[in-house]
Protein backbone atom coordinates (compact mmCIF):
# COMPACT_ATOMS: atom_id res chain seq x y z
CA UNK A 1 27.69 39.78 60.45
CA UNK A 2 31.14 38.57 61.65
CA UNK A 3 31.07 35.67 64.22
CA UNK A 4 34.12 36.96 65.99
CA UNK A 5 32.91 40.59 65.89
CA UNK A 6 29.69 39.69 67.65
CA UNK A 7 31.48 38.30 70.67
CA UNK A 8 31.53 40.38 73.81
CA UNK A 9 34.78 41.53 75.45
CA UNK A 10 34.99 41.14 79.26
CA UNK A 11 36.94 43.92 80.93
CA UNK A 12 38.81 42.90 84.07
CA UNK A 13 39.08 45.05 87.12
CA UNK A 14 41.78 47.63 87.04
CA UNK A 15 41.31 48.21 83.21
CA UNK A 16 39.47 51.30 81.92
CA UNK A 17 38.34 51.83 78.36
CA UNK A 18 37.64 55.23 76.88
CA UNK A 19 36.04 55.87 73.42
CA UNK A 20 35.62 59.25 71.75
CA UNK A 21 36.02 60.41 68.12
CA UNK A 22 36.46 56.82 66.96
CA UNK A 23 39.61 56.51 69.30
CA UNK A 24 39.77 53.66 71.66
CA UNK A 25 42.12 54.16 74.64
CA UNK A 26 42.72 51.11 76.98
CA UNK A 27 44.53 51.79 80.28
CA UNK A 28 45.52 49.06 82.80
CA UNK A 29 48.22 48.27 85.37
CA UNK A 30 50.89 47.45 82.72
CA UNK A 31 50.33 50.46 80.48
CA UNK A 32 48.20 52.22 77.94
CA UNK A 33 47.25 51.30 74.25
CA UNK A 34 45.36 53.30 71.68
CA UNK A 35 43.43 52.27 68.53
CA UNK A 36 41.59 54.21 65.87
CA UNK A 37 38.31 52.33 65.29
CA UNK A 38 37.47 51.74 61.47
CA UNK A 39 34.68 53.82 59.88
CA UNK A 40 31.30 52.17 59.90
CA UNK A 41 32.00 50.56 63.32
CA UNK A 42 31.14 51.78 66.92
CA UNK A 43 32.02 50.66 70.40
CA UNK A 44 29.34 50.08 73.08
CA UNK A 45 30.75 50.37 76.57
CA UNK A 46 28.73 48.90 79.48
CA UNK A 47 29.77 48.20 83.08
CA UNK A 48 32.37 45.40 82.58
CA UNK A 49 31.89 44.56 78.95
CA UNK A 50 32.58 45.98 75.43
CA UNK A 51 30.82 45.24 72.26
CA UNK A 52 31.94 46.32 68.77
CA UNK A 53 28.87 47.03 66.62
CA UNK A 54 28.18 48.24 63.15
CA UNK A 55 26.75 51.65 62.57
CA UNK A 56 24.26 50.15 60.26
CA UNK A 57 23.58 46.53 61.20
CA UNK A 58 21.48 45.95 58.00
CA UNK A 59 24.34 46.83 55.66
CA UNK A 60 26.10 43.71 54.34
CA UNK A 61 29.64 44.15 53.17
CA UNK A 62 32.42 41.46 53.22
CA UNK A 63 34.91 44.23 53.90
CA UNK A 64 33.03 45.59 56.82
CA UNK A 65 32.42 42.24 58.27
CA UNK A 66 36.11 41.45 58.18
CA UNK A 67 36.98 44.80 59.76
CA UNK A 68 34.30 44.05 62.41
CA UNK A 69 36.03 40.91 63.60
CA UNK A 70 39.45 42.40 63.17
CA UNK A 71 38.56 45.41 65.36
CA UNK A 72 37.03 43.10 68.01
CA UNK A 73 40.20 41.01 68.18
CA UNK A 74 42.51 43.95 68.27
CA UNK A 75 40.51 45.58 71.18
CA UNK A 76 40.38 42.29 73.02
CA UNK A 77 44.18 41.90 72.69
CA UNK A 78 44.67 45.49 74.03
CA UNK A 79 42.58 44.62 77.07
CA UNK A 80 44.57 41.43 77.74
CA UNK A 81 47.88 43.16 77.07
CA UNK A 82 47.32 46.02 79.52
CA UNK A 83 46.06 43.66 82.24
CA UNK A 84 48.30 40.68 81.96
CA UNK A 85 50.65 41.13 79.03
CA UNK A 86 51.82 38.73 76.43
CA UNK A 87 54.96 36.62 76.22
CA UNK A 88 56.77 34.24 73.80
CA UNK A 89 59.41 31.81 74.83
CA UNK A 90 62.45 30.94 72.63
CA UNK A 91 64.95 28.11 72.96
CA UNK A 92 68.58 28.04 71.72
CA UNK A 93 69.78 24.69 70.57
CA UNK A 94 73.41 23.93 69.59
CA UNK A 95 76.71 23.29 71.28
CA UNK A 96 78.25 26.56 72.41
CA UNK A 97 75.09 28.46 71.49
CA UNK A 98 74.00 30.80 74.38
CA UNK A 99 72.52 34.09 75.31
CA UNK A 100 73.57 36.51 78.20
CA UNK A 101 71.78 39.70 79.33
CA UNK A 102 73.54 43.08 79.19
CA UNK A 103 71.32 45.79 80.67
CA UNK A 104 68.33 45.80 78.31
CA UNK A 105 70.34 44.15 75.44
CA UNK A 106 70.88 40.56 74.84
CA UNK A 107 74.26 39.10 73.61
CA UNK A 108 73.85 35.91 71.57
CA UNK A 109 76.66 33.52 70.75
CA UNK A 110 75.41 31.45 67.79
CA UNK A 111 78.42 30.06 66.06
CA UNK A 112 79.13 33.18 64.12
CA UNK A 113 82.63 34.67 64.16
CA UNK A 114 81.23 37.52 66.26
CA UNK A 115 78.68 37.92 68.96
CA UNK A 116 75.31 39.22 68.04
CA UNK A 117 73.87 41.99 70.19
CA UNK A 118 70.05 42.33 70.02
CA UNK A 119 68.51 45.46 71.37
CA UNK A 120 64.68 45.19 71.94
CA UNK A 121 62.44 48.10 70.93
CA UNK A 122 60.74 50.40 73.56
CA UNK A 123 58.05 48.54 75.51
CA UNK A 124 59.36 45.09 74.97
CA UNK A 125 61.64 43.21 77.48
CA UNK A 126 63.75 40.24 76.71
CA UNK A 127 64.68 38.06 79.68
CA UNK A 128 67.34 35.44 79.67
CA UNK A 129 65.98 32.72 81.90
CA UNK A 130 68.94 30.27 81.37
CA UNK A 131 71.85 30.48 78.87
CA UNK A 132 69.58 28.66 76.33
CA UNK A 133 66.10 30.09 77.10
CA UNK A 134 64.79 33.48 76.26
CA UNK A 135 61.45 35.09 77.15
CA UNK A 136 60.02 38.00 75.19
CA UNK A 137 57.37 40.18 77.17
CA UNK A 138 55.27 43.13 76.45
CA UNK A 139 51.76 44.62 76.31
CA UNK A 140 51.31 44.63 72.38
CA UNK A 141 50.73 41.17 70.99
CA UNK A 142 51.79 41.93 67.48
CA UNK A 143 55.04 43.60 68.68
CA UNK A 144 55.85 40.70 70.98
CA UNK A 145 55.44 38.26 68.11
CA UNK A 146 57.42 40.40 65.73
CA UNK A 147 60.43 40.72 68.20
CA UNK A 148 60.46 36.95 68.77
CA UNK A 149 60.42 36.39 65.14
CA UNK A 150 63.33 38.88 64.59
CA UNK A 151 65.27 37.04 67.23
CA UNK A 152 64.56 33.72 65.61
CA UNK A 153 65.58 35.11 62.27
CA UNK A 154 69.14 35.71 63.54
CA UNK A 155 69.73 31.88 63.42
CA UNK A 156 66.74 29.96 62.45
CA UNK A 157 66.72 26.23 63.11
CA UNK A 158 68.48 24.24 60.43
CA UNK A 159 66.92 20.94 59.18
CA UNK A 160 69.92 18.53 59.67
CA UNK A 161 70.99 18.93 63.33
CA UNK A 162 68.19 21.28 64.42
CA UNK A 163 70.72 23.85 65.66
CA UNK A 164 69.44 27.43 66.03
CA UNK A 165 66.89 29.46 67.70
CA UNK A 166 63.27 28.14 67.91
CA UNK A 167 59.98 28.86 69.64
CA UNK A 168 59.39 26.76 72.83
CA UNK A 169 57.12 24.21 71.43
CA UNK A 170 58.15 24.45 67.78
CA UNK A 171 58.54 21.23 65.86
CA UNK A 172 61.44 21.40 63.44
CA UNK A 173 61.32 19.00 60.67
CA UNK A 174 64.62 17.02 60.37
CA UNK A 175 66.07 15.70 57.09
CA UNK A 176 68.22 12.68 56.76
CA UNK A 177 71.92 13.30 56.27
CA UNK A 178 74.14 11.87 53.68
CA UNK A 179 74.31 8.04 53.64
CA UNK A 180 78.01 7.68 52.93
CA UNK A 181 79.79 4.95 50.84
């Protein structure tokens, strides 16, 4: 059995979970998410807890064990997402590098000959906290991480001066420059 799959998911107040025809629907104050449960797995709903269980607990399969843990993690992320949401913070490092908000879009000045305009997908918001700090927010953990990675990919941190877009607590490995002579 999967160690992660055996863990129980606590459901906070204000969040409802529906399960029918292997379709899991989680509704909360921030929105709604859906997930189709893998074959061979079942969801047990009690008062304020959820448990992902195998249809046949005696059956051993590496693939089913992996899917058991994956399904539990995805459902747990859905519960957290609709109740409190997910966020990633980004920092912009470099002289003259900055971001400004334009409606839902973000305009980035990153040393290119033109400004880059980033449009976030539906369900994701990008806030400009300061000209050099961004916050990506949403209810889907995977989508929040992907949008943050896409923004970082526009100008990743370079190893000599560390200029570019990085995650808030990211450690950029620096290289020594030329020694001269």
